[in-house]
PDB file of all heavy atoms in Angstrom:
ATOM      1  N   LYS A   1      13.204  77.637-241.616  1.00  0.00           N
ATOM      2  CA  LYS A   1      13.642  78.882-240.991  1.00  0.00           C
ATOM      3  C   LYS A   1      12.522  79.663-240.323  1.00  0.00           C
ATOM      4  O   LYS A   1      12.788  80.518-239.465  1.00  0.00           O
ATOM      5  CB  LYS A   1      14.332  79.772-242.030  1.00  0.00           C
ATOM      6  CG  LYS A   1      15.521  79.118-242.722  1.00  0.00           C
ATOM      7  CD  LYS A   1      16.605  78.708-241.739  1.00  0.00           C
ATOM      8  CE  LYS A   1      17.819  78.152-242.465  1.00  0.00           C
ATOM      9  NZ  LYS A   1      18.886  77.698-241.541  1.00  0.00           N
ATOM     10  N   ASN A   2      11.270  79.406-240.697  1.00  0.00           N
ATOM     11  CA  ASN A   2      10.144  80.139-240.110  1.00  0.00           C
ATOM     12  C   ASN A   2       9.453  79.367-238.994  1.00  0.00           C
ATOM     13  O   ASN A   2       8.426  79.810-238.469  1.00  0.00           O
ATOM     14  CB  ASN A   2       9.120  80.496-241.191  1.00  0.00           C
ATOM     15  CG  ASN A   2       9.641  81.557-242.142  1.00  0.00           C
ATOM     16  OD1 ASN A   2      10.137  82.590-241.705  1.00  0.00           O
ATOM     17  ND2 ASN A   2       9.547  81.296-243.435  1.00  0.00           N
ATOM     18  N   LEU A   3      10.001  78.206-238.621  1.00  0.00           N
ATOM     19  CA  LEU A   3       9.361  77.367-237.615  1.00  0.00           C
ATOM     20  C   LEU A   3       9.416  78.018-236.237  1.00  0.00           C
ATOM     21  O   LEU A   3      10.479  78.411-235.759  1.00  0.00           O
ATOM     22  CB  LEU A   3      10.040  75.999-237.579  1.00  0.00           C
ATOM     23  CG  LEU A   3       9.250  74.866-236.934  1.00  0.00           C
ATOM     24  CD1 LEU A   3       7.977  74.578-237.732  1.00  0.00           C
ATOM     25  CD2 LEU A   3      10.100  73.601-236.862  1.00  0.00           C
ATOM     26  N   HIS A   4       8.248  78.125-235.593  1.00  0.00           N
ATOM     27  CA  HIS A   4       8.154  78.699-234.248  1.00  0.00           C
ATOM     28  C   HIS A   4       7.904  77.631-233.179  1.00  0.00           C
ATOM     29  O   HIS A   4       8.320  77.799-232.036  1.00  0.00           O
ATOM     30  CB  HIS A   4       7.025  79.730-234.185  1.00  0.00           C
ATOM     31  CG  HIS A   4       7.382  81.059-234.768  1.00  0.00           C
ATOM     32  ND1 HIS A   4       7.830  81.212-236.065  1.00  0.00           N
ATOM     33  CD2 HIS A   4       7.363  82.304-234.236  1.00  0.00           C
ATOM     34  CE1 HIS A   4       8.058  82.497-236.299  1.00  0.00           C
ATOM     35  NE2 HIS A   4       7.793  83.177-235.206  1.00  0.00           N
ATOM     36  N   ILE A   5       7.195  76.567-233.548  1.00  0.00           N
ATOM     37  CA  ILE A   5       6.838  75.525-232.580  1.00  0.00           C
ATOM     38  C   ILE A   5       7.179  74.160-233.168  1.00  0.00           C
ATOM     39  O   ILE A   5       6.739  73.817-234.273  1.00  0.00           O
ATOM     40  CB  ILE A   5       5.345  75.582-232.214  1.00  0.00           C
ATOM     41  CG1 ILE A   5       5.012  76.934-231.575  1.00  0.00           C
ATOM     42  CG2 ILE A   5       4.970  74.447-231.276  1.00  0.00           C
ATOM     43  CD1 ILE A   5       3.536  77.105-231.257  1.00  0.00           C
ATOM     44  N   LEU A   6       7.954  73.380-232.432  1.00  0.00           N
ATOM     45  CA  LEU A   6       8.354  72.038-232.857  1.00  0.00           C
ATOM     46  C   LEU A   6       8.151  71.076-231.705  1.00  0.00           C
ATOM     47  O   LEU A   6       8.697  71.274-230.619  1.00  0.00           O
ATOM     48  CB  LEU A   6       9.825  72.035-233.293  1.00  0.00           C
ATOM     49  CG  LEU A   6      10.430  70.667-233.618  1.00  0.00           C
ATOM     50  CD1 LEU A   6       9.717  70.020-234.793  1.00  0.00           C
ATOM     51  CD2 LEU A   6      11.930  70.810-233.917  1.00  0.00           C
ATOM     52  N   ASN A   7       7.370  70.025-231.943  1.00  0.00           N
ATOM     53  CA  ASN A   7       7.124  69.028-230.898  1.00  0.00           C
ATOM     54  C   ASN A   7       7.690  67.686-231.334  1.00  0.00           C
ATOM     55  O   ASN A   7       7.205  67.074-232.288  1.00  0.00           O
ATOM     56  CB  ASN A   7       5.623  68.898-230.628  1.00  0.00           C
ATOM     57  CG  ASN A   7       5.341  68.125-229.341  1.00  0.00           C
ATOM     58  OD1 ASN A   7       6.247  67.530-228.760  1.00  0.00           O
ATOM     59  ND2 ASN A   7       4.107  68.137-228.909  1.00  0.00           N
ATOM     60  N   LEU A   8       8.728  67.238-230.622  1.00  0.00           N
ATOM     61  CA  LEU A   8       9.377  65.944-230.882  1.00  0.00           C
ATOM     62  C   LEU A   8       9.175  64.976-229.719  1.00  0.00           C
ATOM     63  O   LEU A   8       9.841  63.948-229.650  1.00  0.00           O
ATOM     64  CB  LEU A   8      10.879  66.164-231.104  1.00  0.00           C
ATOM     65  CG  LEU A   8      11.296  66.929-232.365  1.00  0.00           C
ATOM     66  CD1 LEU A   8      12.754  67.332-232.277  1.00  0.00           C
ATOM     67  CD2 LEU A   8      11.062  66.075-233.602  1.00  0.00           C
ATOM     68  N   GLY A   9       8.281  65.301-228.816  1.00  0.00           N
ATOM     69  CA  GLY A   9       8.078  64.470-227.635  1.00  0.00           C
ATOM     70  C   GLY A   9       7.537  63.088-227.946  1.00  0.00           C
ATOM     71  O   GLY A   9       6.999  62.831-229.016  1.00  0.00           O
ATOM     72  N   LEU A  10       7.718  62.177-226.973  1.00  0.00           N
ATOM     73  CA  LEU A  10       7.199  60.819-227.079  1.00  0.00           C
ATOM     74  C   LEU A  10       7.663  60.100-228.341  1.00  0.00           C
ATOM     75  O   LEU A  10       6.872  59.567-229.112  1.00  0.00           O
ATOM     76  CB  LEU A  10       5.664  60.830-227.028  1.00  0.00           C
ATOM     77  CG  LEU A  10       5.050  60.758-225.624  1.00  0.00           C
ATOM     78  CD1 LEU A  10       3.556  61.040-225.683  1.00  0.00           C
ATOM     79  CD2 LEU A  10       5.282  59.374-225.025  1.00  0.00           C
ATOM     80  N   ASN A  11       8.976  60.129-228.553  1.00  0.00           N
ATOM     81  CA  ASN A  11       9.574  59.381-229.648  1.00  0.00           C
ATOM     82  C   ASN A  11      10.701  58.511-229.097  1.00  0.00           C
ATOM     83  O   ASN A  11      10.692  58.187-227.906  1.00  0.00           O
ATOM     84  CB  ASN A  11      10.062  60.350-230.737  1.00  0.00           C
ATOM     85  CG  ASN A  11       8.937  60.757-231.682  1.00  0.00           C
ATOM     86  OD1 ASN A  11       8.439  59.950-232.473  1.00  0.00           O
ATOM     87  ND2 ASN A  11       8.517  62.021-231.595  1.00  0.00           N
ATOM     88  N   CYS A  12      11.654  58.157-229.935  1.00  0.00           N
ATOM     89  CA  CYS A  12      12.751  57.279-229.517  1.00  0.00           C
ATOM     90  C   CYS A  12      14.098  57.966-229.753  1.00  0.00           C
ATOM     91  O   CYS A  12      15.064  57.339-230.191  1.00  0.00           O
ATOM     92  CB  CYS A  12      12.694  55.969-230.294  1.00  0.00           C
ATOM     93  SG  CYS A  12      11.105  55.100-230.206  1.00  0.00           S
ATOM     94  N   LEU A  13      14.155  59.239-229.444  1.00  0.00           N
ATOM     95  CA  LEU A  13      15.362  60.025-229.694  1.00  0.00           C
ATOM     96  C   LEU A  13      16.371  59.857-228.566  1.00  0.00           C
ATOM     97  O   LEU A  13      16.034  60.033-227.402  1.00  0.00           O
ATOM     98  CB  LEU A  13      14.996  61.501-229.847  1.00  0.00           C
ATOM     99  CG  LEU A  13      13.907  61.838-230.879  1.00  0.00           C
ATOM    100  CD1 LEU A  13      13.613  63.323-230.858  1.00  0.00           C
ATOM    101  CD2 LEU A  13      14.334  61.391-232.267  1.00  0.00           C
ATOM    102  N   ASP A  14      17.617  59.533-228.916  1.00  0.00           N
ATOM    103  CA  ASP A  14      18.660  59.451-227.895  1.00  0.00           C
ATOM    104  C   ASP A  14      19.583  60.665-227.920  1.00  0.00           C
ATOM    105  O   ASP A  14      20.448  60.832-227.060  1.00  0.00           O
ATOM    106  CB  ASP A  14      19.478  58.163-228.022  1.00  0.00           C
ATOM    107  CG  ASP A  14      20.066  57.977-229.421  1.00  0.00           C
ATOM    108  OD1 ASP A  14      20.200  58.985-230.152  1.00  0.00           O
ATOM    109  OD2 ASP A  14      20.389  56.829-229.775  1.00  0.00           O
ATOM    110  N   SER A  15      19.385  61.525-228.909  1.00  0.00           N
ATOM    111  CA  SER A  15      20.135  62.784-228.980  1.00  0.00           C
ATOM    112  C   SER A  15      19.382  63.744-229.891  1.00  0.00           C
ATOM    113  O   SER A  15      18.495  63.342-230.645  1.00  0.00           O
ATOM    114  CB  SER A  15      21.562  62.552-229.498  1.00  0.00           C
ATOM    115  OG  SER A  15      21.531  62.082-230.839  1.00  0.00           O
ATOM    116  N   ILE A  16      19.745  65.008-229.787  1.00  0.00           N
ATOM    117  CA  ILE A  16      19.143  66.050-230.611  1.00  0.00           C
ATOM    118  C   ILE A  16      20.208  66.594-231.545  1.00  0.00           C
ATOM    119  O   ILE A  16      21.292  66.998-231.085  1.00  0.00           O
ATOM    120  CB  ILE A  16      18.573  67.192-229.746  1.00  0.00           C
ATOM    121  CG1 ILE A  16      17.467  66.658-228.844  1.00  0.00           C
ATOM    122  CG2 ILE A  16      18.031  68.318-230.620  1.00  0.00           C
ATOM    123  CD1 ILE A  16      16.281  66.074-229.576  1.00  0.00           C
ATOM    124  N   PRO A  17      19.961  66.627-232.848  1.00  0.00           N
ATOM    125  CA  PRO A  17      20.967  67.148-233.786  1.00  0.00           C
ATOM    126  C   PRO A  17      21.325  68.597-233.473  1.00  0.00           C
ATOM    127  O   PRO A  17      20.445  69.430-233.258  1.00  0.00           O
ATOM    128  CB  PRO A  17      20.267  67.042-235.150  1.00  0.00           C
ATOM    129  CG  PRO A  17      19.186  66.016-234.963  1.00  0.00           C
ATOM    130  CD  PRO A  17      18.742  66.157-233.543  1.00  0.00           C
ATOM    131  N   THR A  18      22.597  68.890-233.437  1.00  0.00           N
ATOM    132  CA  THR A  18      23.027  70.265-233.189  1.00  0.00           C
ATOM    133  C   THR A  18      22.563  71.196-234.296  1.00  0.00           C
ATOM    134  O   THR A  18      22.442  72.405-234.087  1.00  0.00           O
ATOM    135  CB  THR A  18      24.559  70.340-233.084  1.00  0.00           C
ATOM    136  OG1 THR A  18      25.140  69.832-234.294  1.00  0.00           O
ATOM    137  CG2 THR A  18      25.065  69.509-231.914  1.00  0.00           C
ATOM    138  N   SER A  19      22.272  70.632-235.472  1.00  0.00           N
ATOM    139  CA  SER A  19      21.843  71.440-236.613  1.00  0.00           C
ATOM    140  C   SER A  19      20.509  72.132-236.377  1.00  0.00           C
ATOM    141  O   SER A  19      20.184  73.109-237.055  1.00  0.00           O
ATOM    142  CB  SER A  19      21.760  70.573-237.880  1.00  0.00           C
ATOM    143  OG  SER A  19      20.852  69.503-237.699  1.00  0.00           O
ATOM    144  N   LEU A  20      19.739  71.654-235.386  1.00  0.00           N
ATOM    145  CA  LEU A  20      18.469  72.326-235.083  1.00  0.00           C
ATOM    146  C   LEU A  20      18.713  73.722-234.517  1.00  0.00           C
ATOM    147  O   LEU A  20      17.784  74.528-234.426  1.00  0.00           O
ATOM    148  CB  LEU A  20      17.641  71.497-234.097  1.00  0.00           C
ATOM    149  CG  LEU A  20      17.049  70.188-234.628  1.00  0.00           C
ATOM    150  CD1 LEU A  20      16.124  69.556-233.588  1.00  0.00           C
ATOM    151  CD2 LEU A  20      16.289  70.407-235.922  1.00  0.00           C
ATOM    152  N   GLY A  21      19.943  74.005-234.170  1.00  0.00           N
ATOM    153  CA  GLY A  21      20.298  75.344-233.720  1.00  0.00           C
ATOM    154  C   GLY A  21      20.163  76.379-234.825  1.00  0.00           C
ATOM    155  O   GLY A  21      20.246  77.586-234.559  1.00  0.00           O
ATOM    156  N   ALA A  22      19.938  75.924-236.052  1.00  0.00           N
ATOM    157  CA  ALA A  22      19.740  76.848-237.171  1.00  0.00           C
ATOM    158  C   ALA A  22      18.325  77.420-237.198  1.00  0.00           C
ATOM    159  O   ALA A  22      18.048  78.360-237.947  1.00  0.00           O
ATOM    160  CB  ALA A  22      20.026  76.133-238.497  1.00  0.00           C
ATOM    161  N   LEU A  23      17.438  76.869-236.365  1.00  0.00           N
ATOM    162  CA  LEU A  23      16.036  77.323-236.349  1.00  0.00           C
ATOM    163  C   LEU A  23      15.922  78.550-235.441  1.00  0.00           C
ATOM    164  O   LEU A  23      15.380  78.478-234.334  1.00  0.00           O
ATOM    165  CB  LEU A  23      15.121  76.188-235.873  1.00  0.00           C
ATOM    166  CG  LEU A  23      15.211  74.888-236.686  1.00  0.00           C
ATOM    167  CD1 LEU A  23      14.281  73.833-236.108  1.00  0.00           C
ATOM    168  CD2 LEU A  23      14.874  75.146-238.145  1.00  0.00           C
ATOM    169  N   LYS A  24      16.401  79.661-235.903  1.00  0.00           N
ATOM    170  CA  LYS A  24      16.528  80.862-235.075  1.00  0.00           C
ATOM    171  C   LYS A  24      15.185  81.445-234.645  1.00  0.00           C
ATOM    172  O   LYS A  24      15.125  82.201-233.669  1.00  0.00           O
ATOM    173  CB  LYS A  24      17.318  81.930-235.840  1.00  0.00           C
ATOM    174  CG  LYS A  24      18.710  81.485-236.276  1.00  0.00           C
ATOM    175  CD  LYS A  24      19.563  81.078-235.087  1.00  0.00           C
ATOM    176  CE  LYS A  24      20.977  80.707-235.532  1.00  0.00           C
ATOM    177  NZ  LYS A  24      21.826  80.234-234.404  1.00  0.00           N
ATOM    178  N   GLU A  25      14.097  81.114-235.342  1.00  0.00           N
ATOM    179  CA  GLU A  25      12.784  81.650-234.973  1.00  0.00           C
ATOM    180  C   GLU A  25      12.047  80.759-233.977  1.00  0.00           C
ATOM    181  O   GLU A  25      10.957  81.102-233.527  1.00  0.00           O
ATOM    182  CB  GLU A  25      11.914  81.831-236.228  1.00  0.00           C
ATOM    183  CG  GLU A  25      12.464  82.825-237.234  1.00  0.00           C
ATOM    184  CD  GLU A  25      12.599  84.208-236.644  1.00  0.00           C
ATOM    185  OE1 GLU A  25      11.698  84.622-235.883  1.00  0.00           O
ATOM    186  OE2 GLU A  25      13.613  84.877-236.919  1.00  0.00           O
ATOM    187  N   LEU A  26      12.626  79.625-233.632  1.00  0.00           N
ATOM    188  CA  LEU A  26      11.952  78.669-232.759  1.00  0.00           C
ATOM    189  C   LEU A  26      11.691  79.268-231.376  1.00  0.00           C
ATOM    190  O   LEU A  26      12.588  79.801-230.741  1.00  0.00           O
ATOM    191  CB  LEU A  26      12.795  77.403-232.625  1.00  0.00           C
ATOM    192  CG  LEU A  26      12.057  76.127-232.224  1.00  0.00           C
ATOM    193  CD1 LEU A  26      11.041  75.749-233.301  1.00  0.00           C
ATOM    194  CD2 LEU A  26      13.041  74.981-232.040  1.00  0.00           C
ATOM    195  N   GLN A  27      10.430  79.159-230.937  1.00  0.00           N
ATOM    196  CA  GLN A  27      10.027  79.693-229.633  1.00  0.00           C
ATOM    197  C   GLN A  27       9.666  78.592-228.643  1.00  0.00           C
ATOM    198  O   GLN A  27       9.825  78.764-227.446  1.00  0.00           O
ATOM    199  CB  GLN A  27       8.836  80.641-229.798  1.00  0.00           C
ATOM    200  CG  GLN A  27       9.150  81.881-230.602  1.00  0.00           C
ATOM    201  CD  GLN A  27       7.974  82.823-230.705  1.00  0.00           C
ATOM    202  OE1 GLN A  27       6.936  82.636-230.066  1.00  0.00           O
ATOM    203  NE2 GLN A  27       8.102  83.850-231.517  1.00  0.00           N
ATOM    204  N   GLU A  28       9.165  77.468-229.142  1.00  0.00           N
ATOM    205  CA  GLU A  28       8.786  76.362-228.265  1.00  0.00           C
ATOM    206  C   GLU A  28       9.272  75.050-228.869  1.00  0.00           C
ATOM    207  O   GLU A  28       9.136  74.827-230.065  1.00  0.00           O
ATOM    208  CB  GLU A  28       7.263  76.301-228.079  1.00  0.00           C
ATOM    209  CG  GLU A  28       6.662  77.539-227.448  1.00  0.00           C
ATOM    210  CD  GLU A  28       5.169  77.379-227.191  1.00  0.00           C
ATOM    211  OE1 GLU A  28       4.678  76.233-227.229  1.00  0.00           O
ATOM    212  OE2 GLU A  28       4.503  78.392-226.957  1.00  0.00           O
ATOM    213  N   ILE A  29       9.820  74.190-228.010  1.00  0.00           N
ATOM    214  CA  ILE A  29      10.235  72.875-228.474  1.00  0.00           C
ATOM    215  C   ILE A  29       9.900  71.831-227.420  1.00  0.00           C
ATOM    216  O   ILE A  29      10.175  72.016-226.234  1.00  0.00           O
ATOM    217  CB  ILE A  29      11.742  72.841-228.828  1.00  0.00           C
ATOM    218  CG1 ILE A  29      12.120  71.472-229.390  1.00  0.00           C
ATOM    219  CG2 ILE A  29      12.605  73.225-227.641  1.00  0.00           C
ATOM    220  CD1 ILE A  29      13.507  71.432-230.001  1.00  0.00           C
ATOM    221  N   GLY A  30       9.252  70.751-227.838  1.00  0.00           N
ATOM    222  CA  GLY A  30       8.907  69.646-226.947  1.00  0.00           C
ATOM    223  C   GLY A  30       9.850  68.478-227.186  1.00  0.00           C
ATOM    224  O   GLY A  30       9.960  67.971-228.295  1.00  0.00           O
ATOM    225  N   LEU A  31      10.556  68.067-226.121  1.00  0.00           N
ATOM    226  CA  LEU A  31      11.508  66.950-226.203  1.00  0.00           C
ATOM    227  C   LEU A  31      11.202  65.887-225.151  1.00  0.00           C
ATOM    228  O   LEU A  31      12.001  64.975-224.941  1.00  0.00           O
ATOM    229  CB  LEU A  31      12.937  67.473-225.993  1.00  0.00           C
ATOM    230  CG  LEU A  31      13.419  68.538-226.981  1.00  0.00           C
ATOM    231  CD1 LEU A  31      14.785  69.071-226.549  1.00  0.00           C
ATOM    232  CD2 LEU A  31      13.488  67.986-228.386  1.00  0.00           C
ATOM    233  N   PHE A  32      10.064  65.997-224.512  1.00  0.00           N
ATOM    234  CA  PHE A  32       9.707  65.122-223.398  1.00  0.00           C
ATOM    235  C   PHE A  32       9.571  63.659-223.829  1.00  0.00           C
ATOM    236  O   PHE A  32       9.347  63.342-224.990  1.00  0.00           O
ATOM    237  CB  PHE A  32       8.379  65.593-222.783  1.00  0.00           C
ATOM    238  CG  PHE A  32       7.291  65.795-223.803  1.00  0.00           C
ATOM    239  CD1 PHE A  32       6.488  64.754-224.216  1.00  0.00           C
ATOM    240  CD2 PHE A  32       7.080  67.051-224.367  1.00  0.00           C
ATOM    241  CE1 PHE A  32       5.500  64.931-225.168  1.00  0.00           C
ATOM    242  CE2 PHE A  32       6.093  67.250-225.319  1.00  0.00           C
ATOM    243  CZ  PHE A  32       5.299  66.178-225.713  1.00  0.00           C
ATOM    244  N   ASP A  33       9.730  62.761-222.852  1.00  0.00           N
ATOM    245  CA  ASP A  33       9.514  61.321-223.063  1.00  0.00           C
ATOM    246  C   ASP A  33      10.324  60.759-224.224  1.00  0.00           C
ATOM    247  O   ASP A  33       9.788  60.114-225.124  1.00  0.00           O
ATOM    248  CB  ASP A  33       8.020  61.042-223.271  1.00  0.00           C
ATOM    249  CG  ASP A  33       7.198  61.330-222.035  1.00  0.00           C
ATOM    250  OD1 ASP A  33       7.267  60.546-221.079  1.00  0.00           O
ATOM    251  OD2 ASP A  33       6.500  62.359-222.019  1.00  0.00           O
ATOM    252  N   ASN A  34      11.626  61.010-224.195  1.00  0.00           N
ATOM    253  CA  ASN A  34      12.546  60.400-225.138  1.00  0.00           C
ATOM    254  C   ASN A  34      13.644  59.687-224.349  1.00  0.00           C
ATOM    255  O   ASN A  34      13.430  59.329-223.188  1.00  0.00           O
ATOM    256  CB  ASN A  34      13.122  61.468-226.079  1.00  0.00           C
ATOM    257  CG  ASN A  34      12.176  61.790-227.231  1.00  0.00           C
ATOM    258  OD1 ASN A  34      11.986  60.985-228.136  1.00  0.00           O
ATOM    259  ND2 ASN A  34      11.579  62.982-227.187  1.00  0.00           N
ATOM    260  N   SER A  35      14.804  59.497-224.943  1.00  0.00           N
ATOM    261  CA  SER A  35      15.923  58.843-224.257  1.00  0.00           C
ATOM    262  C   SER A  35      17.138  59.759-224.242  1.00  0.00           C
ATOM    263  O   SER A  35      18.280  59.316-224.367  1.00  0.00           O
ATOM    264  CB  SER A  35      16.266  57.518-224.961  1.00  0.00           C
ATOM    265  OG  SER A  35      15.157  56.637-224.940  1.00  0.00           O
ATOM    266  N   LEU A  36      16.890  61.031-224.051  1.00  0.00           N
ATOM    267  CA  LEU A  36      17.954  62.030-224.114  1.00  0.00           C
ATOM    268  C   LEU A  36      18.776  62.064-222.827  1.00  0.00           C
ATOM    269  O   LEU A  36      18.235  61.990-221.732  1.00  0.00           O
ATOM    270  CB  LEU A  36      17.350  63.414-224.366  1.00  0.00           C
ATOM    271  CG  LEU A  36      16.478  63.559-225.613  1.00  0.00           C
ATOM    272  CD1 LEU A  36      15.866  64.954-225.663  1.00  0.00           C
ATOM    273  CD2 LEU A  36      17.296  63.282-226.875  1.00  0.00           C
ATOM    274  N   THR A  37      20.073  62.199-222.978  1.00  0.00           N
ATOM    275  CA  THR A  37      20.951  62.391-221.822  1.00  0.00           C
ATOM    276  C   THR A  37      21.581  63.778-221.846  1.00  0.00           C
ATOM    277  O   THR A  37      22.216  64.190-220.875  1.00  0.00           O
ATOM    278  CB  THR A  37      22.067  61.338-221.806  1.00  0.00           C
ATOM    279  OG1 THR A  37      22.796  61.390-223.037  1.00  0.00           O
ATOM    280  CG2 THR A  37      21.481  59.935-221.634  1.00  0.00           C
ATOM    281  N   THR A  38      21.415  64.479-222.939  1.00  0.00           N
ATOM    282  CA  THR A  38      21.937  65.836-223.056  1.00  0.00           C
ATOM    283  C   THR A  38      21.180  66.581-224.143  1.00  0.00           C
ATOM    284  O   THR A  38      20.527  65.953-224.994  1.00  0.00           O
ATOM    285  CB  THR A  38      23.447  65.817-223.385  1.00  0.00           C
ATOM    286  OG1 THR A  38      23.946  67.155-223.363  1.00  0.00           O
ATOM    287  CG2 THR A  38      23.694  65.214-224.743  1.00  0.00           C
ATOM    288  N   ILE A  39      21.248  67.897-224.092  1.00  0.00           N
ATOM    289  CA  ILE A  39      20.657  68.746-225.117  1.00  0.00           C
ATOM    290  C   ILE A  39      21.749  69.710-225.568  1.00  0.00           C
ATOM    291  O   ILE A  39      22.379  70.369-224.738  1.00  0.00           O
ATOM    292  CB  ILE A  39      19.447  69.530-224.581  1.00  0.00           C
ATOM    293  CG1 ILE A  39      18.332  68.547-224.197  1.00  0.00           C
ATOM    294  CG2 ILE A  39      18.915  70.516-225.629  1.00  0.00           C
ATOM    295  CD1 ILE A  39      17.131  69.216-223.576  1.00  0.00           C
ATOM    296  N   PRO A  40      22.004  69.793-226.864  1.00  0.00           N
ATOM    297  CA  PRO A  40      23.102  70.643-227.332  1.00  0.00           C
ATOM    298  C   PRO A  40      22.881  72.122-227.027  1.00  0.00           C
ATOM    299  O   PRO A  40      21.742  72.603-227.029  1.00  0.00           O
ATOM    300  CB  PRO A  40      23.126  70.383-228.849  1.00  0.00           C
ATOM    301  CG  PRO A  40      21.767  69.871-229.174  1.00  0.00           C
ATOM    302  CD  PRO A  40      21.312  69.105-227.972  1.00  0.00           C
ATOM    303  N   ASN A  41      23.965  72.814-226.758  1.00  0.00           N
ATOM    304  CA  ASN A  41      23.883  74.241-226.461  1.00  0.00           C
ATOM    305  C   ASN A  41      23.276  75.023-227.622  1.00  0.00           C
ATOM    306  O   ASN A  41      22.627  76.053-227.415  1.00  0.00           O
ATOM    307  CB  ASN A  41      25.272  74.798-226.136  1.00  0.00           C
ATOM    308  CG  ASN A  41      25.776  74.331-224.788  1.00  0.00           C
ATOM    309  OD1 ASN A  41      24.988  74.069-223.882  1.00  0.00           O
ATOM    310  ND2 ASN A  41      27.079  74.205-224.651  1.00  0.00           N
ATOM    311  N   SER A  42      23.486  74.549-228.843  1.00  0.00           N
ATOM    312  CA  SER A  42      22.948  75.252-230.001  1.00  0.00           C
ATOM    313  C   SER A  42      21.435  75.320-229.955  1.00  0.00           C
ATOM    314  O   SER A  42      20.825  76.250-230.490  1.00  0.00           O
ATOM    315  CB  SER A  42      23.388  74.554-231.294  1.00  0.00           C
ATOM    316  OG  SER A  42      22.899  73.220-231.348  1.00  0.00           O
ATOM    317  N   VAL A  43      20.805  74.348-229.291  1.00  0.00           N
ATOM    318  CA  VAL A  43      19.339  74.338-229.140  1.00  0.00           C
ATOM    319  C   VAL A  43      18.930  75.104-227.893  1.00  0.00           C
ATOM    320  O   VAL A  43      18.020  75.939-227.923  1.00  0.00           O
ATOM    321  CB  VAL A  43      18.806  72.892-229.087  1.00  0.00           C
ATOM    322  CG1 VAL A  43      17.304  72.874-228.775  1.00  0.00           C
ATOM    323  CG2 VAL A  43      19.067  72.184-230.415  1.00  0.00           C
TER     324      VAL A  43
END
């Protein structure tokens, strides 16, 4: 709940869990260089 910066870049992600929308304090998120075709509105 206190996470402000999360970097998930350069992995093998094909989607982002909608549950990450619970990280209300998040200010920066890195999702670059994955296999994403969409990003959930919750994020």
